[in-house]
Structures are given as structure tokens and as C-alpha cells.
Amino acid sequence: MIGLVVLTFVDLFVPVFNMLLIVRVVMSYFAGPENRFFAWLMSITEPVLAPVRRVIPATPGIDLAPLAVFFLLQGVRYAAHWLIGG
């Protein structure tokens, strides 16, 4: 029963958070920090992206942290299904 709840949460959280990451990346080219929606989006995604940025070496001109988080979350989703057997 708890496994089903965990799988449901993971299956809802991962795609929603990945979509927020994609929107943040796209908006970073067009919106400034004064945009309220973009500021809210940054406040939601930055706590996950900041630790990844500390691990990934800096690349001039491109931020690879959203891509890494995207793949990490897919891995978490896959692992949850594999461990719980959904």
C-alpha cells in the first residue's frame, strides 16, 4: 500500500518538476529576475539545482545543472519502479 503511494507521488512529482525545469530554462533567455513568475520558478527549482551546480564543473555560457537534474530525476523514477515493483 505504501509502495503504491510512493510510486504515485514519484510518478506525479518527476514529470511536473521536469516541466518546471524546462520552463525555467526557456524563460531564462527571455524573462528577467523582476518577472514574478520567473522569480517563483527560481525559488522552486533552485534548491535542487544549487547542489548539482557545486558538483558539476562550470562550463562557460551554458548551465548543465538542469540537464543533470532532469536525468537524475528520471533515474529516481526508474529506481522507484524497480525497487517497489510497480
PDB file of N, CA and C in Angstrom:
ATOM      1  N   MET A   1       0.819  -1.195   0.000  1.00  0.00           N
ATOM      2  CA  MET A   1       0.000   0.000   0.000  1.00  0.00           C
ATOM      3  C   MET A   1       0.870   1.270   0.000  1.00  0.00           C
ATOM      4  N   ILE A   2       1.859   1.287   0.892  1.00  0.00           N
ATOM      5  CA  ILE A   2       2.735   2.456   0.948  1.00  0.00           C
ATOM      6  C   ILE A   2       3.571   2.552  -0.321  1.00  0.00           C
ATOM      7  N   GLY A   3       3.946   1.409  -0.864  1.00  0.00           N
ATOM      8  CA  GLY A   3       4.696   1.405  -2.114  1.00  0.00           C
ATOM      9  C   GLY A   3       3.917   2.050  -3.243  1.00  0.00           C
ATOM     10  N   LEU A   4       2.619   1.779  -3.290  1.00  0.00           N
ATOM     11  CA  LEU A   4       1.778   2.384  -4.318  1.00  0.00           C
ATOM     12  C   LEU A   4       1.696   3.898  -4.143  1.00  0.00           C
ATOM     13  N   VAL A   5       1.635   4.347  -2.897  1.00  0.00           N
ATOM     14  CA  VAL A   5       1.603   5.786  -2.622  1.00  0.00           C
ATOM     15  C   VAL A   5       2.915   6.438  -3.053  1.00  0.00           C
ATOM     16  N   VAL A   6       4.034   5.785  -2.753  1.00  0.00           N
ATOM     17  CA  VAL A   6       5.349   6.322  -3.139  1.00  0.00           C
ATOM     18  C   VAL A   6       5.461   6.386  -4.658  1.00  0.00           C
ATOM     19  N   LEU A   7       5.043   5.322  -5.336  1.00  0.00           N
ATOM     20  CA  LEU A   7       5.116   5.323  -6.796  1.00  0.00           C
ATOM     21  C   LEU A   7       4.223   6.402  -7.396  1.00  0.00           C
ATOM     22  N   THR A   8       3.042   6.574  -6.844  1.00  0.00           N
ATOM     23  CA  THR A   8       2.142   7.610  -7.343  1.00  0.00           C
ATOM     24  C   THR A   8       2.750   8.989  -7.153  1.00  0.00           C
ATOM     25  N   PHE A   9       3.344   9.231  -5.978  1.00  0.00           N
ATOM     26  CA  PHE A   9       3.980  10.521  -5.724  1.00  0.00           C
ATOM     27  C   PHE A   9       5.132  10.752  -6.699  1.00  0.00           C
ATOM     28  N   VAL A  10       5.982   9.752  -6.867  1.00  0.00           N
ATOM     29  CA  VAL A  10       7.134   9.893  -7.767  1.00  0.00           C
ATOM     30  C   VAL A  10       6.656  10.102  -9.201  1.00  0.00           C
ATOM     31  N   ASP A  11       5.631   9.348  -9.607  1.00  0.00           N
ATOM     32  CA  ASP A  11       5.111   9.478 -10.974  1.00  0.00           C
ATOM     33  C   ASP A  11       4.464  10.830 -11.224  1.00  0.00           C
ATOM     34  N   LEU A  12       4.000  11.496 -10.183  1.00  0.00           N
ATOM     35  CA  LEU A  12       3.455  12.850 -10.340  1.00  0.00           C
ATOM     36  C   LEU A  12       4.528  13.915 -10.206  1.00  0.00           C
ATOM     37  N   PHE A  13       5.439  13.737  -9.246  1.00  0.00           N
ATOM     38  CA  PHE A  13       6.432  14.759  -8.955  1.00  0.00           C
ATOM     39  C   PHE A  13       7.459  14.921 -10.074  1.00  0.00           C
ATOM     40  N   VAL A  14       8.003  13.812 -10.550  1.00  0.00           N
ATOM     41  CA  VAL A  14       9.104  13.881 -11.520  1.00  0.00           C
ATOM     42  C   VAL A  14       8.696  14.601 -12.803  1.00  0.00           C
ATOM     43  N   PRO A  15       7.588  14.246 -13.455  1.00  0.00           N
ATOM     44  CA  PRO A  15       7.245  14.973 -14.686  1.00  0.00           C
ATOM     45  C   PRO A  15       6.909  16.445 -14.439  1.00  0.00           C
ATOM     46  N   VAL A  16       6.258  16.734 -13.324  1.00  0.00           N
ATOM     47  CA  VAL A  16       5.924  18.132 -13.031  1.00  0.00           C
ATOM     48  C   VAL A  16       7.194  18.941 -12.790  1.00  0.00           C
ATOM     49  N   PHE A  17       8.124  18.396 -11.992  1.00  0.00           N
ATOM     50  CA  PHE A  17       9.356  19.128 -11.720  1.00  0.00           C
ATOM     51  C   PHE A  17      10.199  19.270 -12.983  1.00  0.00           C
ATOM     52  N   ASN A  18      10.229  18.228 -13.810  1.00  0.00           N
ATOM     53  CA  ASN A  18      10.969  18.336 -15.067  1.00  0.00           C
ATOM     54  C   ASN A  18      10.365  19.399 -15.975  1.00  0.00           C
ATOM     55  N   MET A  19       9.052  19.506 -15.994  1.00  0.00           N
ATOM     56  CA  MET A  19       8.410  20.550 -16.792  1.00  0.00           C
ATOM     57  C   MET A  19       8.768  21.936 -16.239  1.00  0.00           C
ATOM     58  N   LEU A  20       8.795  22.066 -14.918  1.00  0.00           N
ATOM     59  CA  LEU A  20       9.210  23.345 -14.323  1.00  0.00           C
ATOM     60  C   LEU A  20      10.645  23.682 -14.714  1.00  0.00           C
ATOM     61  N   LEU A  21      11.514  22.678 -14.758  1.00  0.00           N
ATOM     62  CA  LEU A  21      12.900  22.914 -15.179  1.00  0.00           C
ATOM     63  C   LEU A  21      12.962  23.391 -16.625  1.00  0.00           C
ATOM     64  N   ILE A  22      12.190  22.763 -17.492  1.00  0.00           N
ATOM     65  CA  ILE A  22      12.192  23.164 -18.896  1.00  0.00           C
ATOM     66  C   ILE A  22      11.682  24.592 -19.049  1.00  0.00           C
ATOM     67  N   VAL A  23      10.615  24.924 -18.351  1.00  0.00           N
ATOM     68  CA  VAL A  23      10.069  26.283 -18.418  1.00  0.00           C
ATOM     69  C   VAL A  23      11.089  27.274 -17.877  1.00  0.00           C
ATOM     70  N   ARG A  24      11.788  26.914 -16.800  1.00  0.00           N
ATOM     71  CA  ARG A  24      12.802  27.817 -16.242  1.00  0.00           C
ATOM     72  C   ARG A  24      13.928  28.062 -17.234  1.00  0.00           C
ATOM     73  N   VAL A  25      14.399  27.011 -17.888  1.00  0.00           N
ATOM     74  CA  VAL A  25      15.482  27.166 -18.858  1.00  0.00           C
ATOM     75  C   VAL A  25      15.039  28.073 -20.004  1.00  0.00           C
ATOM     76  N   VAL A  26      13.860  27.855 -20.528  1.00  0.00           N
ATOM     77  CA  VAL A  26      13.365  28.679 -21.640  1.00  0.00           C
ATOM     78  C   VAL A  26      13.165  30.122 -21.185  1.00  0.00           C
ATOM     79  N   MET A  27      12.559  30.298 -20.010  1.00  0.00           N
ATOM     80  CA  MET A  27      12.311  31.659 -19.521  1.00  0.00           C
ATOM     81  C   MET A  27      13.597  32.406 -19.189  1.00  0.00           C
ATOM     82  N   SER A  28      14.657  31.670 -18.871  1.00  0.00           N
ATOM     83  CA  SER A  28      15.905  32.345 -18.521  1.00  0.00           C
ATOM     84  C   SER A  28      16.458  33.145 -19.698  1.00  0.00           C
ATOM     85  N   TYR A  29      16.059  32.801 -20.908  1.00  0.00           N
ATOM     86  CA  TYR A  29      16.506  33.549 -22.088  1.00  0.00           C
ATOM     87  C   TYR A  29      15.669  34.801 -22.332  1.00  0.00           C
ATOM     88  N   PHE A  30      14.442  34.820 -21.830  1.00  0.00           N
ATOM     89  CA  PHE A  30      13.519  35.906 -22.166  1.00  0.00           C
ATOM     90  C   PHE A  30      13.105  36.766 -20.983  1.00  0.00           C
ATOM     91  N   ALA A  31      12.988  36.187 -19.801  1.00  0.00           N
ATOM     92  CA  ALA A  31      12.473  36.918 -18.644  1.00  0.00           C
ATOM     93  C   ALA A  31      13.613  37.315 -17.716  1.00  0.00           C
ATOM     94  N   GLY A  32      13.449  38.438 -17.091  1.00  0.00           N
ATOM     95  CA  GLY A  32      14.421  38.887 -16.111  1.00  0.00           C
ATOM     96  C   GLY A  32      13.976  38.504 -14.713  1.00  0.00           C
ATOM     97  N   PRO A  33      14.850  38.721 -13.744  1.00  0.00           N
ATOM     98  CA  PRO A  33      14.504  38.363 -12.361  1.00  0.00           C
ATOM     99  C   PRO A  33      13.355  39.195 -11.793  1.00  0.00           C
ATOM    100  N   GLU A  34      12.998  40.286 -12.455  1.00  0.00           N
ATOM    101  CA  GLU A  34      11.875  41.095 -11.965  1.00  0.00           C
ATOM    102  C   GLU A  34      10.525  40.471 -12.317  1.00  0.00           C
ATOM    103  N   ASN A  35      10.517  39.499 -13.218  1.00  0.00           N
ATOM    104  CA  ASN A  35       9.294  38.793 -13.563  1.00  0.00           C
ATOM    105  C   ASN A  35       8.889  37.917 -12.378  1.00  0.00           C
ATOM    106  N   ARG A  36       7.674  38.107 -11.869  1.00  0.00           N
ATOM    107  CA  ARG A  36       7.238  37.408 -10.656  1.00  0.00           C
ATOM    108  C   ARG A  36       7.136  35.895 -10.860  1.00  0.00           C
ATOM    109  N   PHE A  37       6.625  35.472 -12.006  1.00  0.00           N
ATOM    110  CA  PHE A  37       6.517  34.034 -12.257  1.00  0.00           C
ATOM    111  C   PHE A  37       7.894  33.390 -12.344  1.00  0.00           C
ATOM    112  N   PHE A  38       8.828  34.071 -13.012  1.00  0.00           N
ATOM    113  CA  PHE A  38      10.183  33.545 -13.127  1.00  0.00           C
ATOM    114  C   PHE A  38      10.857  33.496 -11.758  1.00  0.00           C
ATOM    115  N   ALA A  39      10.624  34.501 -10.934  1.00  0.00           N
ATOM    116  CA  ALA A  39      11.187  34.505  -9.577  1.00  0.00           C
ATOM    117  C   ALA A  39      10.619  33.346  -8.758  1.00  0.00           C
ATOM    118  N   TRP A  40       9.317  33.101  -8.897  1.00  0.00           N
ATOM    119  CA  TRP A  40       8.702  31.976  -8.200  1.00  0.00           C
ATOM    120  C   TRP A  40       9.286  30.658  -8.700  1.00  0.00           C
ATOM    121  N   LEU A  41       9.452  30.550  -9.995  1.00  0.00           N
ATOM    122  CA  LEU A  41      10.008  29.343 -10.600  1.00  0.00           C
ATOM    123  C   LEU A  41      11.429  29.101 -10.103  1.00  0.00           C
ATOM    124  N   MET A  42      12.201  30.151  -9.994  1.00  0.00           N
ATOM    125  CA  MET A  42      13.564  30.023  -9.471  1.00  0.00           C
ATOM    126  C   MET A  42      13.554  29.578  -8.016  1.00  0.00           C
ATOM    127  N   SER A  43      12.616  30.097  -7.227  1.00  0.00           N
ATOM    128  CA  SER A  43      12.556  29.712  -5.816  1.00  0.00           C
ATOM    129  C   SER A  43      12.173  28.245  -5.649  1.00  0.00           C
ATOM    130  N   ILE A  44      11.451  27.691  -6.611  1.00  0.00           N
ATOM    131  CA  ILE A  44      11.058  26.284  -6.545  1.00  0.00           C
ATOM    132  C   ILE A  44      12.199  25.373  -7.018  1.00  0.00           C
ATOM    133  N   THR A  45      12.881  25.748  -8.073  1.00  0.00           N
ATOM    134  CA  THR A  45      13.865  24.856  -8.680  1.00  0.00           C
ATOM    135  C   THR A  45      15.295  25.043  -8.152  1.00  0.00           C
ATOM    136  N   GLU A  46      15.625  26.208  -7.670  1.00  0.00           N
ATOM    137  CA  GLU A  46      16.998  26.487  -7.241  1.00  0.00           C
ATOM    138  C   GLU A  46      17.483  25.591  -6.097  1.00  0.00           C
ATOM    139  N   PRO A  47      16.640  25.241  -5.106  1.00  0.00           N
ATOM    140  CA  PRO A  47      17.140  24.347  -4.045  1.00  0.00           C
ATOM    141  C   PRO A  47      17.599  22.981  -4.559  1.00  0.00           C
ATOM    142  N   VAL A  48      17.084  22.552  -5.682  1.00  0.00           N
ATOM    143  CA  VAL A  48      17.518  21.284  -6.264  1.00  0.00           C
ATOM    144  C   VAL A  48      18.725  21.498  -7.178  1.00  0.00           C
ATOM    145  N   LEU A  49      18.750  22.617  -7.886  1.00  0.00           N
ATOM    146  CA  LEU A  49      19.830  22.867  -8.846  1.00  0.00           C
ATOM    147  C   LEU A  49      21.143  23.288  -8.178  1.00  0.00           C
ATOM    148  N   ALA A  50      21.079  24.010  -7.074  1.00  0.00           N
ATOM    149  CA  ALA A  50      22.292  24.543  -6.444  1.00  0.00           C
ATOM    150  C   ALA A  50      23.281  23.447  -6.032  1.00  0.00           C
ATOM    151  N   PRO A  51      22.849  22.378  -5.363  1.00  0.00           N
ATOM    152  CA  PRO A  51      23.828  21.339  -5.008  1.00  0.00           C
ATOM    153  C   PRO A  51      24.434  20.657  -6.240  1.00  0.00           C
ATOM    154  N   VAL A  52      23.662  20.532  -7.298  1.00  0.00           N
ATOM    155  CA  VAL A  52      24.180  19.902  -8.521  1.00  0.00           C
ATOM    156  C   VAL A  52      25.220  20.795  -9.166  1.00  0.00           C
ATOM    157  N   ARG A  53      25.002  22.103  -9.108  1.00  0.00           N
ATOM    158  CA  ARG A  53      25.981  23.043  -9.676  1.00  0.00           C
ATOM    159  C   ARG A  53      27.323  22.965  -8.953  1.00  0.00           C
ATOM    160  N   ARG A  54      27.296  22.648  -7.668  1.00  0.00           N
ATOM    161  CA  ARG A  54      28.548  22.540  -6.920  1.00  0.00           C
ATOM    162  C   ARG A  54      29.343  21.314  -7.347  1.00  0.00           C
ATOM    163  N   VAL A  55      28.664  20.292  -7.857  1.00  0.00           N
ATOM    164  CA  VAL A  55      29.326  19.053  -8.247  1.00  0.00           C
ATOM    165  C   VAL A  55      29.798  19.099  -9.694  1.00  0.00           C
ATOM    166  N   ILE A  56      28.966  19.660 -10.567  1.00  0.00           N
ATOM    167  CA  ILE A  56      29.291  19.720 -11.993  1.00  0.00           C
ATOM    168  C   ILE A  56      30.258  20.871 -12.238  1.00  0.00           C
ATOM    169  N   PRO A  57      31.326  20.637 -12.979  1.00  0.00           N
ATOM    170  CA  PRO A  57      32.253  21.732 -13.271  1.00  0.00           C
ATOM    171  C   PRO A  57      31.573  22.818 -14.111  1.00  0.00           C
ATOM    172  N   ALA A  58      31.956  24.044 -13.863  1.00  0.00           N
ATOM    173  CA  ALA A  58      31.375  25.181 -14.580  1.00  0.00           C
ATOM    174  C   ALA A  58      31.763  25.149 -16.050  1.00  0.00           C
ATOM    175  N   THR A  59      30.786  25.410 -16.890  1.00  0.00           N
ATOM    176  CA  THR A  59      31.004  25.488 -18.332  1.00  0.00           C
ATOM    177  C   THR A  59      30.628  26.891 -18.768  1.00  0.00           C
ATOM    178  N   PRO A  60      31.527  27.610 -19.427  1.00  0.00           N
ATOM    179  CA  PRO A  60      31.192  28.987 -19.810  1.00  0.00           C
ATOM    180  C   PRO A  60      30.029  29.026 -20.805  1.00  0.00           C
ATOM    181  N   GLY A  61      29.038  29.831 -20.485  1.00  0.00           N
ATOM    182  CA  GLY A  61      27.940  30.072 -21.402  1.00  0.00           C
ATOM    183  C   GLY A  61      26.785  29.098 -21.336  1.00  0.00           C
ATOM    184  N   ILE A  62      26.943  27.988 -20.619  1.00  0.00           N
ATOM    185  CA  ILE A  62      25.844  27.016 -20.552  1.00  0.00           C
ATOM    186  C   ILE A  62      25.796  26.407 -19.151  1.00  0.00           C
ATOM    187  N   ASP A  63      24.582  26.249 -18.649  1.00  0.00           N
ATOM    188  CA  ASP A  63      24.365  25.663 -17.333  1.00  0.00           C
ATOM    189  C   ASP A  63      23.876  24.232 -17.539  1.00  0.00           C
ATOM    190  N   LEU A  64      24.691  23.272 -17.145  1.00  0.00           N
ATOM    191  CA  LEU A  64      24.345  21.866 -17.335  1.00  0.00           C
ATOM    192  C   LEU A  64      23.571  21.276 -16.160  1.00  0.00           C
ATOM    193  N   ALA A  65      23.385  22.038 -15.093  1.00  0.00           N
ATOM    194  CA  ALA A  65      22.681  21.526 -13.916  1.00  0.00           C
ATOM    195  C   ALA A  65      21.237  21.110 -14.220  1.00  0.00           C
ATOM    196  N   PRO A  66      20.444  21.896 -14.974  1.00  0.00           N
ATOM    197  CA  PRO A  66      19.080  21.425 -15.262  1.00  0.00           C
ATOM    198  C   PRO A  66      19.044  20.105 -16.020  1.00  0.00           C
ATOM    199  N   LEU A  67      19.974  19.917 -16.941  1.00  0.00           N
ATOM    200  CA  LEU A  67      20.032  18.664 -17.689  1.00  0.00           C
ATOM    201  C   LEU A  67      20.386  17.502 -16.758  1.00  0.00           C
ATOM    202  N   ALA A  68      21.347  17.730 -15.870  1.00  0.00           N
ATOM    203  CA  ALA A  68      21.737  16.685 -14.922  1.00  0.00           C
ATOM    204  C   ALA A  68      20.588  16.338 -13.979  1.00  0.00           C
ATOM    205  N   VAL A  69      19.886  17.351 -13.481  1.00  0.00           N
ATOM    206  CA  VAL A  69      18.746  17.104 -12.593  1.00  0.00           C
ATOM    207  C   VAL A  69      17.645  16.363 -13.338  1.00  0.00           C
ATOM    208  N   PHE A  70      17.413  16.734 -14.583  1.00  0.00           N
ATOM    209  CA  PHE A  70      16.409  16.051 -15.399  1.00  0.00           C
ATOM    210  C   PHE A  70      16.704  14.551 -15.456  1.00  0.00           C
ATOM    211  N   PHE A  71      17.959  14.192 -15.760  1.00  0.00           N
ATOM    212  CA  PHE A  71      18.323  12.783 -15.856  1.00  0.00           C
ATOM    213  C   PHE A  71      18.354  12.105 -14.484  1.00  0.00           C
ATOM    214  N   LEU A  72      18.775  12.820 -13.461  1.00  0.00           N
ATOM    215  CA  LEU A  72      18.767  12.246 -12.114  1.00  0.00           C
ATOM    216  C   LEU A  72      17.345  11.910 -11.666  1.00  0.00           C
ATOM    217  N   LEU A  73      16.414  12.805 -11.932  1.00  0.00           N
ATOM    218  CA  LEU A  73      15.025  12.539 -11.547  1.00  0.00           C
ATOM    219  C   LEU A  73      14.442  11.369 -12.334  1.00  0.00           C
ATOM    220  N   GLN A  74      14.813  11.240 -13.596  1.00  0.00           N
ATOM    221  CA  GLN A  74      14.367  10.079 -14.354  1.00  0.00           C
ATOM    222  C   GLN A  74      14.951   8.794 -13.750  1.00  0.00           C
ATOM    223  N   GLY A  75      16.184   8.881 -13.289  1.00  0.00           N
ATOM    224  CA  GLY A  75      16.797   7.732 -12.622  1.00  0.00           C
ATOM    225  C   GLY A  75      16.102   7.385 -11.321  1.00  0.00           C
ATOM    226  N   VAL A  76      15.722   8.397 -10.570  1.00  0.00           N
ATOM    227  CA  VAL A  76      14.984   8.167  -9.326  1.00  0.00           C
ATOM    228  C   VAL A  76      13.644   7.500  -9.628  1.00  0.00           C
ATOM    229  N   ARG A  77      12.996   7.970 -10.650  1.00  0.00           N
ATOM    230  CA  ARG A  77      11.704   7.384 -11.036  1.00  0.00           C
ATOM    231  C   ARG A  77      11.878   5.918 -11.449  1.00  0.00           C
ATOM    232  N   TYR A  78      12.883   5.652 -12.249  1.00  0.00           N
ATOM    233  CA  TYR A  78      13.163   4.287 -12.679  1.00  0.00           C
ATOM    234  C   TYR A  78      13.497   3.407 -11.474  1.00  0.00           C
ATOM    235  N   ALA A  79      14.345   3.902 -10.564  1.00  0.00           N
ATOM    236  CA  ALA A  79      14.738   3.139  -9.390  1.00  0.00           C
ATOM    237  C   ALA A  79      13.545   2.846  -8.486  1.00  0.00           C
ATOM    238  N   ALA A  80      12.661   3.815  -8.324  1.00  0.00           N
ATOM    239  CA  ALA A  80      11.470   3.602  -7.502  1.00  0.00           C
ATOM    240  C   ALA A  80      10.612   2.490  -8.087  1.00  0.00           C
ATOM    241  N   HIS A  81      10.440   2.493  -9.386  1.00  0.00           N
ATOM    242  CA  HIS A  81       9.642   1.438 -10.014  1.00  0.00           C
ATOM    243  C   HIS A  81      10.352   0.085  -9.906  1.00  0.00           C
ATOM    244  N   TRP A  82      11.655   0.087 -10.025  1.00  0.00           N
ATOM    245  CA  TRP A  82      12.397  -1.168  -9.952  1.00  0.00           C
ATOM    246  C   TRP A  82      12.378  -1.721  -8.528  1.00  0.00           C
ATOM    247  N   LEU A  83      12.579  -0.853  -7.529  1.00  0.00           N
ATOM    248  CA  LEU A  83      12.623  -1.307  -6.135  1.00  0.00           C
ATOM    249  C   LEU A  83      11.253  -1.726  -5.610  1.00  0.00           C
ATOM    250  N   ILE A  84      10.235  -0.968  -5.963  1.00  0.00           N
ATOM    251  CA  ILE A  84       8.911  -1.244  -5.424  1.00  0.00           C
ATOM    252  C   ILE A  84       8.172  -2.254  -6.300  1.00  0.00           C
ATOM    253  N   GLY A  85       8.555  -2.324  -7.545  1.00  0.00           N
ATOM    254  CA  GLY A  85       7.968  -3.329  -8.419  1.00  0.00           C
ATOM    255  C   GLY A  85       6.659  -2.911  -9.052  1.00  0.00           C
ATOM    256  N   GLY A  86       6.561  -1.634  -9.376  1.00  0.00           N
ATOM    257  CA  GLY A  86       5.320  -1.148  -9.978  1.00  0.00           C
ATOM    258  C   GLY A  86       5.374  -1.304 -11.431  1.00  0.00           C
TER     259      GLY A  86
END
